[in-house]
Every structure is written in C-alpha cells, then in structure tokens.
C-alpha cells in the first residue's frame, strides 16, 4: 500500500507534476490563513472518496494559488475531469494533465510554466505534494520540486487508488478527479 506504514499526512510538491510523497513528517494542523482544497476521486466512474489538501500559501503563495485556482476551475480550466495517468504502488500517483491526459501537457494560471518559488518546505512526511502543471504524489524529491501543501484527509483514498496502479505506472482502471474545489 502507498502509505500504509507511514504516519498521518501526505505532502504536495511542485516539479513537472503534483506528487503525494511517502516520507515522514511532524506537523501541526492547517494554518487558518492557508486555503483547503479537495479532490473527489473515482475509479471507472465509481466514487472512491475525497482527498483534502492544505496549501502552504504562507510559504509559497504563487504555487499554492495556482493549485487552488486549478481546483476551482475559476480561470476556465483545471483538474476537474482529469485523470491519474501514472500510479506506481508505494511510490506515487501522478495526474492533472488536463490538456494531453498523459503527463506531457498541462498549464498553470500564469501560462505554460512558472519559476519555482523556493525549496523551503521539505519532503519530510507522507503527503507533501508538488506541482508545475500536473500533480504527483512521491518521495525523495527535496531540491527538485517545490513542496506547497499536505494531504489533511483521505490517506485511505490514496491507498485505495494505489491498488489500481502497477510497477510500470499503468492503471487497471480509469482514475479520475470527478470533482474538485475549495473548502471555505
């Protein structure tokens, strides 16, 4: 299982994709000022569950705002309906390419690409996520991708999704973000 032996939270990290990492971390609850967003995930159009993320807008505001806006779709495009095109058990769940649907596309609210803000937050716990135009949930990525948030609820959903992956990354079912948005 992706995070079965790991404690509490999963990180969001930025790079060429968004990633859930399977590393350890110690963390307090979400900061009041940081946005909280969600993915409702489905497998072959059947609901799997909801994953909620706290975004670290206090540390990486531009990166967090991009992810938040892609969750809400307020710019006319975003993650809703996109797939997890690559799932490798005990390593990562990668998705969010809403243009090419295979990991080669995607875009940000700032254009095709934007510069990494900083590497202040580390991949020190499960669920730190990374983002450029896609998203990936992964491990051992310090200094390569910007950490911009954490999974606060739904590790059980990530574990379920992992069961549809393979060593090659091919999925046995179509894993989609059926809905997403911001929780206020």
N, C-alpha and C. Protein backbone atom coordinates (compact mmCIF):
# COMPACT_ATOMS: atom_id res chain seq x y z
N UNK A 1 0.84 -1.18 0.00
CA UNK A 1 0.00 0.00 0.00
C UNK A 1 0.88 1.24 0.00
N UNK A 2 0.40 2.28 -0.63
CA UNK A 2 1.17 3.50 -0.81
C UNK A 2 1.71 4.07 0.49
N UNK A 3 0.86 4.26 1.47
CA UNK A 3 1.30 4.91 2.70
C UNK A 3 0.93 4.11 3.94
N UNK A 4 0.68 2.83 3.80
CA UNK A 4 0.17 2.02 4.90
C UNK A 4 1.03 2.07 6.15
N UNK A 5 2.32 2.07 6.02
CA UNK A 5 3.20 2.03 7.19
C UNK A 5 3.65 3.41 7.62
N UNK A 6 3.11 4.44 7.02
CA UNK A 6 3.59 5.79 7.29
C UNK A 6 2.58 6.59 8.10
N UNK A 7 3.06 7.55 8.89
CA UNK A 7 2.17 8.34 9.73
C UNK A 7 1.38 9.39 8.95
N UNK A 8 0.40 9.85 9.55
CA UNK A 8 -0.60 10.86 9.29
C UNK A 8 -0.70 11.62 7.99
N UNK A 9 0.26 12.40 7.53
CA UNK A 9 -0.01 13.35 6.45
C UNK A 9 0.82 13.11 5.21
N UNK A 10 0.30 13.53 4.08
CA UNK A 10 0.95 13.39 2.78
C UNK A 10 1.24 14.78 2.25
N UNK A 11 2.39 14.99 1.63
CA UNK A 11 2.80 16.31 1.17
C UNK A 11 2.51 16.52 -0.31
N UNK A 12 2.28 17.77 -0.69
CA UNK A 12 2.12 18.17 -2.08
C UNK A 12 3.42 18.84 -2.51
N UNK A 13 3.96 18.47 -3.67
CA UNK A 13 5.23 19.01 -4.12
C UNK A 13 5.15 19.49 -5.56
N UNK A 14 5.98 20.45 -5.93
CA UNK A 14 5.95 21.03 -7.27
C UNK A 14 7.16 20.62 -8.09
N UNK A 15 6.97 20.36 -9.34
CA UNK A 15 8.03 19.98 -10.28
C UNK A 15 7.42 19.93 -11.65
N UNK A 16 7.41 18.82 -12.32
CA UNK A 16 6.74 18.65 -13.60
C UNK A 16 5.35 18.08 -13.37
N UNK A 17 5.02 17.77 -12.12
CA UNK A 17 3.77 17.12 -11.76
C UNK A 17 3.45 17.42 -10.30
N UNK A 18 2.28 17.02 -9.86
CA UNK A 18 1.93 17.09 -8.45
C UNK A 18 2.17 15.72 -7.85
N UNK A 19 2.69 15.64 -6.65
CA UNK A 19 3.01 14.34 -6.08
C UNK A 19 2.56 14.21 -4.64
N UNK A 20 2.06 13.02 -4.28
CA UNK A 20 1.86 12.65 -2.88
C UNK A 20 3.14 11.94 -2.49
N UNK A 21 3.83 12.37 -1.47
CA UNK A 21 5.07 11.71 -1.07
C UNK A 21 4.83 10.74 0.06
N UNK A 22 5.68 9.73 0.11
CA UNK A 22 5.61 8.71 1.15
C UNK A 22 6.81 8.85 2.07
N UNK A 23 6.99 10.02 2.66
CA UNK A 23 8.08 10.28 3.61
C UNK A 23 7.45 10.66 4.94
N UNK A 24 8.25 10.72 6.01
CA UNK A 24 7.71 11.03 7.33
C UNK A 24 7.78 12.53 7.61
N UNK A 25 6.81 13.03 8.43
CA UNK A 25 6.85 14.43 8.83
C UNK A 25 6.15 14.63 10.16
N UNK A 26 6.51 15.71 10.84
CA UNK A 26 5.80 16.13 12.03
C UNK A 26 5.16 17.45 11.67
N UNK A 27 3.87 17.63 11.96
CA UNK A 27 3.21 18.84 11.54
C UNK A 27 2.02 19.14 12.43
N UNK A 28 1.78 20.41 12.62
CA UNK A 28 0.58 20.85 13.31
C UNK A 28 -0.57 20.84 12.31
N UNK A 29 -1.75 21.15 12.75
CA UNK A 29 -2.92 21.21 11.86
C UNK A 29 -2.80 22.37 10.89
N UNK A 30 -3.79 22.48 9.98
CA UNK A 30 -3.73 23.52 8.97
C UNK A 30 -3.72 24.92 9.56
N UNK A 31 -2.95 25.81 8.95
CA UNK A 31 -2.95 27.21 9.37
C UNK A 31 -4.26 27.84 8.91
N UNK A 32 -4.80 28.73 9.72
CA UNK A 32 -6.10 29.34 9.43
C UNK A 32 -6.11 30.07 8.10
N UNK A 33 -5.01 30.72 7.73
CA UNK A 33 -4.97 31.53 6.51
C UNK A 33 -4.73 30.71 5.25
N UNK A 34 -4.30 29.49 5.39
CA UNK A 34 -4.00 28.68 4.21
C UNK A 34 -5.26 28.05 3.63
N UNK A 35 -5.41 28.10 2.29
CA UNK A 35 -6.60 27.50 1.67
C UNK A 35 -6.61 25.98 1.81
N UNK A 36 -7.82 25.42 1.81
CA UNK A 36 -8.03 23.98 1.83
C UNK A 36 -8.85 23.62 0.60
N UNK A 37 -8.33 22.68 -0.18
CA UNK A 37 -8.99 22.25 -1.41
C UNK A 37 -9.21 20.74 -1.36
N UNK A 38 -9.98 20.22 -2.32
CA UNK A 38 -10.28 18.79 -2.31
C UNK A 38 -10.34 18.22 -3.72
N UNK A 39 -10.13 16.91 -3.80
CA UNK A 39 -10.39 16.10 -5.00
C UNK A 39 -11.39 15.02 -4.59
N UNK A 40 -12.45 14.85 -5.36
CA UNK A 40 -13.31 13.67 -5.26
C UNK A 40 -12.84 12.73 -6.36
N UNK A 41 -12.31 11.58 -5.97
CA UNK A 41 -11.67 10.66 -6.91
C UNK A 41 -12.61 9.50 -7.23
N UNK A 42 -12.60 9.09 -8.52
CA UNK A 42 -13.41 7.97 -8.98
C UNK A 42 -12.54 6.97 -9.74
N UNK A 43 -12.95 5.70 -9.71
CA UNK A 43 -12.31 4.63 -10.48
C UNK A 43 -13.37 4.06 -11.41
N UNK A 44 -13.13 4.16 -12.72
CA UNK A 44 -14.14 3.75 -13.71
C UNK A 44 -15.51 4.34 -13.38
N UNK A 45 -15.51 5.63 -13.08
CA UNK A 45 -16.72 6.42 -12.78
C UNK A 45 -17.44 6.02 -11.49
N UNK A 46 -16.82 5.19 -10.66
CA UNK A 46 -17.39 4.82 -9.36
C UNK A 46 -16.63 5.58 -8.27
N UNK A 47 -17.33 6.28 -7.37
CA UNK A 47 -16.65 7.06 -6.33
C UNK A 47 -15.71 6.22 -5.47
N UNK A 48 -14.51 6.76 -5.24
CA UNK A 48 -13.54 6.13 -4.34
C UNK A 48 -13.50 6.91 -3.03
N UNK A 49 -13.55 8.24 -3.11
CA UNK A 49 -13.54 9.06 -1.90
C UNK A 49 -12.93 10.42 -2.14
N UNK A 50 -12.85 11.18 -1.07
CA UNK A 50 -12.36 12.56 -1.12
C UNK A 50 -10.99 12.66 -0.45
N UNK A 51 -10.11 13.44 -1.09
CA UNK A 51 -8.80 13.78 -0.54
C UNK A 51 -8.79 15.29 -0.35
N UNK A 52 -8.44 15.76 0.87
CA UNK A 52 -8.37 17.19 1.16
C UNK A 52 -6.92 17.61 1.37
N UNK A 53 -6.61 18.81 0.89
CA UNK A 53 -5.25 19.35 0.93
C UNK A 53 -5.25 20.71 1.61
N UNK A 54 -4.29 20.94 2.49
CA UNK A 54 -3.99 22.29 2.97
C UNK A 54 -2.85 22.80 2.11
N UNK A 55 -3.01 23.99 1.53
CA UNK A 55 -1.98 24.58 0.67
C UNK A 55 -1.19 25.59 1.47
N UNK A 56 0.14 25.56 1.36
CA UNK A 56 1.01 26.45 2.13
C UNK A 56 1.19 27.81 1.43
N UNK A 57 0.08 28.57 1.35
CA UNK A 57 0.12 29.90 0.74
C UNK A 57 0.98 30.85 1.55
N UNK A 58 1.19 30.55 2.83
CA UNK A 58 2.04 31.38 3.68
C UNK A 58 3.52 31.26 3.33
N UNK A 59 3.92 30.18 2.65
CA UNK A 59 5.32 29.95 2.31
C UNK A 59 5.56 30.06 0.80
N UNK A 60 4.65 29.52 0.01
CA UNK A 60 4.77 29.54 -1.46
C UNK A 60 3.44 30.02 -2.06
N UNK A 61 3.16 31.34 -1.94
CA UNK A 61 1.84 31.86 -2.32
C UNK A 61 1.49 31.68 -3.80
N UNK A 62 2.44 31.87 -4.69
CA UNK A 62 2.16 31.76 -6.12
C UNK A 62 1.83 30.31 -6.51
N UNK A 63 2.61 29.37 -6.00
CA UNK A 63 2.39 27.95 -6.30
C UNK A 63 1.07 27.48 -5.69
N UNK A 64 0.80 27.86 -4.45
CA UNK A 64 -0.45 27.47 -3.79
C UNK A 64 -1.65 28.07 -4.51
N UNK A 65 -1.55 29.31 -4.96
CA UNK A 65 -2.66 29.94 -5.67
C UNK A 65 -2.93 29.25 -7.00
N UNK A 66 -1.88 28.84 -7.70
CA UNK A 66 -2.06 28.11 -8.95
C UNK A 66 -2.85 26.82 -8.70
N UNK A 67 -2.45 26.05 -7.71
CA UNK A 67 -3.12 24.79 -7.42
C UNK A 67 -4.57 25.03 -6.99
N UNK A 68 -4.78 26.03 -6.13
CA UNK A 68 -6.14 26.36 -5.67
C UNK A 68 -7.04 26.71 -6.85
N UNK A 69 -6.54 27.58 -7.74
CA UNK A 69 -7.34 28.01 -8.90
C UNK A 69 -7.60 26.86 -9.87
N UNK A 70 -6.64 25.93 -10.01
CA UNK A 70 -6.87 24.77 -10.87
C UNK A 70 -7.89 23.82 -10.23
N UNK A 71 -7.98 23.82 -8.91
CA UNK A 71 -9.02 23.03 -8.24
C UNK A 71 -10.40 23.65 -8.43
N UNK A 72 -10.50 24.96 -8.40
CA UNK A 72 -11.81 25.62 -8.55
C UNK A 72 -12.22 25.76 -10.01
N UNK A 73 -11.25 25.78 -10.92
CA UNK A 73 -11.57 25.97 -12.34
C UNK A 73 -11.97 27.39 -12.68
N UNK A 74 -11.68 28.33 -11.80
CA UNK A 74 -12.15 29.71 -11.98
C UNK A 74 -11.55 30.44 -13.18
N UNK A 75 -10.50 29.90 -13.78
CA UNK A 75 -9.91 30.51 -14.98
C UNK A 75 -10.39 29.82 -16.26
N UNK A 76 -11.38 28.94 -16.13
CA UNK A 76 -11.93 28.26 -17.29
C UNK A 76 -11.26 26.93 -17.60
N UNK A 77 -10.30 26.51 -16.79
CA UNK A 77 -9.64 25.22 -16.95
C UNK A 77 -9.15 24.75 -15.59
N UNK A 78 -8.90 23.45 -15.47
CA UNK A 78 -8.42 22.93 -14.20
C UNK A 78 -8.48 21.42 -14.13
N UNK A 79 -8.34 20.91 -12.91
CA UNK A 79 -8.19 19.48 -12.68
C UNK A 79 -9.48 18.67 -12.83
N UNK A 80 -10.64 19.27 -12.71
CA UNK A 80 -11.90 18.51 -12.76
C UNK A 80 -11.98 17.71 -14.06
N UNK A 81 -12.23 16.40 -13.91
CA UNK A 81 -12.34 15.51 -15.06
C UNK A 81 -11.02 14.95 -15.55
N UNK A 82 -9.90 15.42 -15.00
CA UNK A 82 -8.59 14.91 -15.43
C UNK A 82 -8.30 13.56 -14.79
N UNK A 83 -7.31 12.86 -15.33
CA UNK A 83 -7.01 11.50 -14.88
C UNK A 83 -5.69 11.43 -14.12
N UNK A 84 -5.54 10.36 -13.35
CA UNK A 84 -4.24 9.95 -12.83
C UNK A 84 -3.68 9.01 -13.89
N UNK A 85 -2.73 9.49 -14.67
CA UNK A 85 -2.22 8.71 -15.80
C UNK A 85 -1.12 7.74 -15.40
N UNK A 86 -0.57 7.89 -14.20
CA UNK A 86 0.54 7.04 -13.76
C UNK A 86 0.44 6.80 -12.25
N UNK A 87 0.33 5.53 -11.86
CA UNK A 87 0.27 5.18 -10.44
C UNK A 87 1.24 4.03 -10.21
N UNK A 88 2.26 4.27 -9.40
CA UNK A 88 3.24 3.24 -9.05
C UNK A 88 3.08 2.97 -7.55
N UNK A 89 2.57 1.78 -7.19
CA UNK A 89 2.35 1.47 -5.77
C UNK A 89 3.60 1.70 -4.92
N UNK A 90 3.38 2.24 -3.73
CA UNK A 90 4.42 2.56 -2.75
C UNK A 90 5.38 3.63 -3.24
N UNK A 91 5.03 4.36 -4.31
CA UNK A 91 5.88 5.44 -4.79
C UNK A 91 5.08 6.69 -5.13
N UNK A 92 4.15 6.64 -6.11
CA UNK A 92 3.48 7.87 -6.49
C UNK A 92 2.17 7.63 -7.23
N UNK A 93 1.35 8.68 -7.21
CA UNK A 93 0.14 8.78 -8.01
C UNK A 93 0.28 10.09 -8.77
N UNK A 94 0.34 10.04 -10.10
CA UNK A 94 0.60 11.23 -10.90
C UNK A 94 -0.58 11.51 -11.81
N UNK A 95 -0.96 12.77 -11.88
CA UNK A 95 -2.08 13.17 -12.73
C UNK A 95 -2.16 14.67 -12.87
N UNK A 96 -3.29 15.13 -13.39
CA UNK A 96 -3.52 16.56 -13.52
C UNK A 96 -3.22 17.14 -14.88
N UNK A 97 -2.82 16.31 -15.85
CA UNK A 97 -2.59 16.80 -17.21
C UNK A 97 -3.96 16.90 -17.88
N UNK A 98 -4.58 18.06 -17.78
CA UNK A 98 -5.91 18.24 -18.34
C UNK A 98 -5.88 18.69 -19.79
N UNK A 99 -4.69 18.74 -20.40
CA UNK A 99 -4.60 19.08 -21.82
C UNK A 99 -4.30 17.86 -22.69
N UNK A 100 -3.28 17.07 -22.33
CA UNK A 100 -2.92 15.89 -23.13
C UNK A 100 -3.31 14.57 -22.46
N UNK A 101 -3.62 14.60 -21.17
CA UNK A 101 -4.09 13.43 -20.41
C UNK A 101 -3.07 12.30 -20.31
N UNK A 102 -1.77 12.62 -20.44
CA UNK A 102 -0.75 11.56 -20.38
C UNK A 102 0.53 12.00 -19.67
N UNK A 103 0.55 13.17 -19.08
CA UNK A 103 1.73 13.65 -18.38
C UNK A 103 2.63 14.56 -19.19
N UNK A 104 2.31 14.78 -20.46
CA UNK A 104 3.15 15.63 -21.30
C UNK A 104 2.59 17.04 -21.44
N UNK A 105 1.39 17.29 -20.94
CA UNK A 105 0.74 18.59 -21.11
C UNK A 105 0.49 19.29 -19.80
N UNK A 106 -0.58 20.06 -19.77
CA UNK A 106 -0.94 20.83 -18.60
C UNK A 106 -0.53 22.28 -18.76
N UNK A 107 -1.06 23.13 -17.90
CA UNK A 107 -0.69 24.53 -17.88
C UNK A 107 -1.03 25.11 -16.52
N UNK A 108 -0.49 26.29 -16.26
CA UNK A 108 -0.76 26.96 -15.00
C UNK A 108 -1.64 28.18 -15.26
N UNK A 109 -2.09 28.82 -14.21
CA UNK A 109 -2.86 30.05 -14.37
C UNK A 109 -1.95 31.20 -14.80
N UNK A 110 -0.64 30.99 -14.73
CA UNK A 110 0.34 32.01 -15.12
C UNK A 110 0.87 31.79 -16.53
N UNK A 111 0.40 30.79 -17.23
CA UNK A 111 0.91 30.44 -18.56
C UNK A 111 1.44 29.03 -18.56
N UNK A 112 2.19 28.66 -19.62
CA UNK A 112 2.68 27.28 -19.72
C UNK A 112 3.56 26.85 -18.54
N UNK A 113 4.41 27.73 -18.05
CA UNK A 113 5.33 27.40 -16.96
C UNK A 113 5.49 28.62 -16.05
N UNK A 114 5.92 28.38 -14.82
CA UNK A 114 6.34 29.47 -13.95
C UNK A 114 7.47 28.99 -13.07
N UNK A 115 8.32 29.92 -12.66
CA UNK A 115 9.54 29.61 -11.91
C UNK A 115 9.21 29.09 -10.51
N UNK A 116 10.02 28.10 -10.05
CA UNK A 116 9.89 27.59 -8.68
C UNK A 116 10.07 28.74 -7.70
N UNK A 117 9.21 28.81 -6.69
CA UNK A 117 9.31 29.88 -5.70
C UNK A 117 10.47 29.67 -4.75
N UNK A 118 10.51 28.54 -4.08
CA UNK A 118 11.58 28.22 -3.15
C UNK A 118 11.48 26.76 -2.75
N UNK A 119 12.51 26.28 -2.07
CA UNK A 119 12.54 24.90 -1.61
C UNK A 119 12.56 24.87 -0.08
N UNK A 120 11.90 25.86 0.54
CA UNK A 120 11.90 25.99 1.99
C UNK A 120 11.26 24.79 2.68
N UNK A 121 10.11 24.35 2.19
CA UNK A 121 9.43 23.18 2.77
C UNK A 121 10.07 21.92 2.22
N UNK A 122 10.22 20.92 3.07
CA UNK A 122 10.90 19.68 2.68
C UNK A 122 9.92 18.52 2.58
N UNK A 123 10.37 17.47 1.92
CA UNK A 123 9.59 16.24 1.77
C UNK A 123 9.82 15.38 3.01
N UNK A 124 9.35 15.87 4.15
CA UNK A 124 9.64 15.20 5.41
C UNK A 124 8.45 14.44 5.96
N UNK A 125 7.46 14.16 5.14
CA UNK A 125 6.31 13.41 5.61
C UNK A 125 5.46 12.93 4.48
N UNK A 126 4.63 11.95 4.74
CA UNK A 126 3.74 11.48 3.69
C UNK A 126 2.79 12.58 3.28
N UNK A 127 2.54 12.70 2.01
CA UNK A 127 1.53 13.61 1.51
C UNK A 127 1.97 14.99 1.14
N UNK A 128 3.26 15.29 1.11
CA UNK A 128 3.66 16.59 0.59
C UNK A 128 3.53 16.53 -0.92
N UNK A 129 2.97 17.54 -1.53
CA UNK A 129 2.67 17.50 -2.96
C UNK A 129 3.48 18.49 -3.75
N UNK A 130 3.75 18.14 -4.99
CA UNK A 130 4.49 19.02 -5.87
C UNK A 130 3.63 19.38 -7.06
N UNK A 131 3.92 20.51 -7.68
CA UNK A 131 3.11 20.97 -8.79
C UNK A 131 3.93 21.79 -9.75
N UNK A 132 3.75 21.59 -11.01
CA UNK A 132 4.09 22.58 -12.04
C UNK A 132 2.82 22.74 -12.84
N UNK A 133 2.54 21.83 -13.70
CA UNK A 133 1.30 21.86 -14.46
C UNK A 133 0.47 20.63 -14.19
N UNK A 134 1.09 19.63 -13.62
CA UNK A 134 0.42 18.39 -13.27
C UNK A 134 0.58 18.22 -11.78
N UNK A 135 0.21 17.07 -11.26
CA UNK A 135 0.50 16.80 -9.87
C UNK A 135 0.96 15.38 -9.73
N UNK A 136 1.72 15.14 -8.68
CA UNK A 136 2.35 13.85 -8.43
C UNK A 136 2.47 13.68 -6.93
N UNK A 137 2.27 12.47 -6.45
CA UNK A 137 2.43 12.18 -5.03
C UNK A 137 3.61 11.23 -4.94
N UNK A 138 4.79 11.66 -4.39
CA UNK A 138 6.03 10.89 -4.49
C UNK A 138 7.01 11.12 -3.35
N UNK A 139 8.25 10.65 -3.49
CA UNK A 139 9.25 10.57 -2.42
C UNK A 139 10.64 10.96 -2.91
N UNK A 140 11.53 11.36 -1.99
CA UNK A 140 12.92 11.69 -2.29
C UNK A 140 13.07 12.79 -3.33
N UNK A 141 12.40 13.93 -3.13
CA UNK A 141 12.39 14.97 -4.15
C UNK A 141 12.87 16.32 -3.65
N UNK A 142 13.48 16.39 -2.45
CA UNK A 142 13.97 17.67 -1.95
C UNK A 142 14.93 18.31 -2.93
N UNK A 143 14.77 19.64 -3.12
CA UNK A 143 15.64 20.39 -4.02
C UNK A 143 15.30 20.23 -5.49
N UNK A 144 14.33 19.38 -5.81
CA UNK A 144 13.93 19.17 -7.20
C UNK A 144 12.56 19.75 -7.49
N UNK A 145 11.69 19.75 -6.49
CA UNK A 145 10.32 20.19 -6.67
C UNK A 145 9.88 20.97 -5.44
N UNK A 146 9.05 21.99 -5.64
CA UNK A 146 8.59 22.83 -4.55
C UNK A 146 7.46 22.13 -3.79
N UNK A 147 7.64 21.99 -2.47
CA UNK A 147 6.57 21.49 -1.61
C UNK A 147 5.61 22.65 -1.38
N UNK A 148 4.32 22.43 -1.63
CA UNK A 148 3.36 23.53 -1.47
C UNK A 148 2.13 23.17 -0.65
N UNK A 149 2.06 21.97 -0.10
CA UNK A 149 0.90 21.62 0.71
C UNK A 149 0.96 20.20 1.22
N UNK A 150 -0.10 19.83 1.96
CA UNK A 150 -0.19 18.49 2.55
C UNK A 150 -1.60 17.95 2.42
N UNK A 151 -1.69 16.63 2.30
CA UNK A 151 -2.98 15.97 2.39
C UNK A 151 -3.37 15.97 3.86
N UNK A 152 -4.55 16.48 4.17
CA UNK A 152 -5.00 16.53 5.56
C UNK A 152 -6.05 15.47 5.86
N UNK A 153 -6.75 15.00 4.84
CA UNK A 153 -7.71 13.90 4.98
C UNK A 153 -7.72 13.10 3.69
N UNK A 154 -7.95 11.80 3.80
CA UNK A 154 -8.09 10.98 2.61
C UNK A 154 -6.93 10.07 2.30
N UNK A 155 -6.05 9.82 3.26
CA UNK A 155 -4.96 8.86 3.01
C UNK A 155 -5.52 7.49 2.65
N UNK A 156 -6.67 7.15 3.22
CA UNK A 156 -7.31 5.87 2.88
C UNK A 156 -7.72 5.84 1.41
N UNK A 157 -8.12 6.98 0.87
CA UNK A 157 -8.48 7.08 -0.55
C UNK A 157 -7.24 6.89 -1.41
N UNK A 158 -6.13 7.50 -1.01
CA UNK A 158 -4.87 7.33 -1.76
C UNK A 158 -4.46 5.86 -1.75
N UNK A 159 -4.62 5.19 -0.62
CA UNK A 159 -4.29 3.76 -0.54
C UNK A 159 -5.16 2.94 -1.48
N UNK A 160 -6.45 3.28 -1.57
CA UNK A 160 -7.35 2.57 -2.49
C UNK A 160 -6.93 2.81 -3.94
N UNK A 161 -6.62 4.05 -4.27
CA UNK A 161 -6.22 4.40 -5.64
C UNK A 161 -4.95 3.66 -6.02
N UNK A 162 -4.04 3.52 -5.08
CA UNK A 162 -2.79 2.82 -5.34
C UNK A 162 -3.02 1.39 -5.82
N UNK A 163 -4.08 0.76 -5.38
CA UNK A 163 -4.37 -0.63 -5.78
C UNK A 163 -4.62 -0.75 -7.29
N UNK A 164 -4.94 0.35 -7.96
CA UNK A 164 -5.20 0.31 -9.40
C UNK A 164 -3.94 0.61 -10.21
N UNK A 165 -2.80 0.77 -9.54
CA UNK A 165 -1.54 1.04 -10.22
C UNK A 165 -0.74 -0.22 -10.48
N UNK A 166 0.47 -0.02 -11.03
CA UNK A 166 1.36 -1.14 -11.34
C UNK A 166 2.80 -0.65 -11.27
N UNK A 167 3.75 -1.57 -11.33
CA UNK A 167 5.17 -1.19 -11.32
C UNK A 167 5.52 -0.31 -12.51
N UNK A 168 4.85 -0.52 -13.64
CA UNK A 168 5.11 0.30 -14.84
C UNK A 168 4.40 1.64 -14.78
N UNK A 169 3.43 1.78 -13.86
CA UNK A 169 2.65 3.00 -13.75
C UNK A 169 1.30 2.94 -14.44
N UNK A 170 1.09 1.91 -15.28
CA UNK A 170 -0.21 1.75 -15.96
C UNK A 170 -1.28 1.46 -14.93
N UNK A 171 -2.46 2.01 -15.16
CA UNK A 171 -3.57 1.79 -14.24
C UNK A 171 -4.54 0.75 -14.79
N UNK A 172 -5.11 -0.05 -13.90
CA UNK A 172 -6.07 -1.09 -14.30
C UNK A 172 -7.48 -0.53 -14.47
N UNK A 173 -7.73 0.66 -13.92
CA UNK A 173 -9.00 1.35 -14.09
C UNK A 173 -8.70 2.81 -14.41
N UNK A 174 -9.67 3.49 -14.99
CA UNK A 174 -9.53 4.92 -15.24
C UNK A 174 -9.77 5.67 -13.93
N UNK A 175 -8.72 6.28 -13.40
CA UNK A 175 -8.80 7.01 -12.13
C UNK A 175 -8.92 8.49 -12.45
N UNK A 176 -10.04 9.10 -12.06
CA UNK A 176 -10.31 10.49 -12.43
C UNK A 176 -10.59 11.36 -11.20
N UNK A 177 -10.41 12.65 -11.41
CA UNK A 177 -10.86 13.64 -10.43
C UNK A 177 -12.27 14.00 -10.87
N UNK A 178 -13.25 13.37 -10.25
CA UNK A 178 -14.65 13.56 -10.62
C UNK A 178 -15.13 14.97 -10.29
N UNK A 179 -14.59 15.52 -9.20
CA UNK A 179 -14.93 16.88 -8.80
C UNK A 179 -13.77 17.40 -7.96
N UNK A 180 -13.67 18.71 -7.87
CA UNK A 180 -12.64 19.34 -7.04
C UNK A 180 -13.06 20.77 -6.79
N UNK A 181 -12.47 21.38 -5.78
CA UNK A 181 -12.81 22.75 -5.45
C UNK A 181 -12.13 23.19 -4.18
N UNK A 182 -12.60 24.31 -3.65
CA UNK A 182 -12.05 24.87 -2.41
C UNK A 182 -13.09 24.75 -1.31
N UNK A 183 -12.63 24.37 -0.12
CA UNK A 183 -13.50 24.32 1.06
C UNK A 183 -13.31 25.62 1.82
N UNK A 184 -14.38 26.25 2.20
CA UNK A 184 -14.28 27.52 2.92
C UNK A 184 -14.87 27.40 4.29
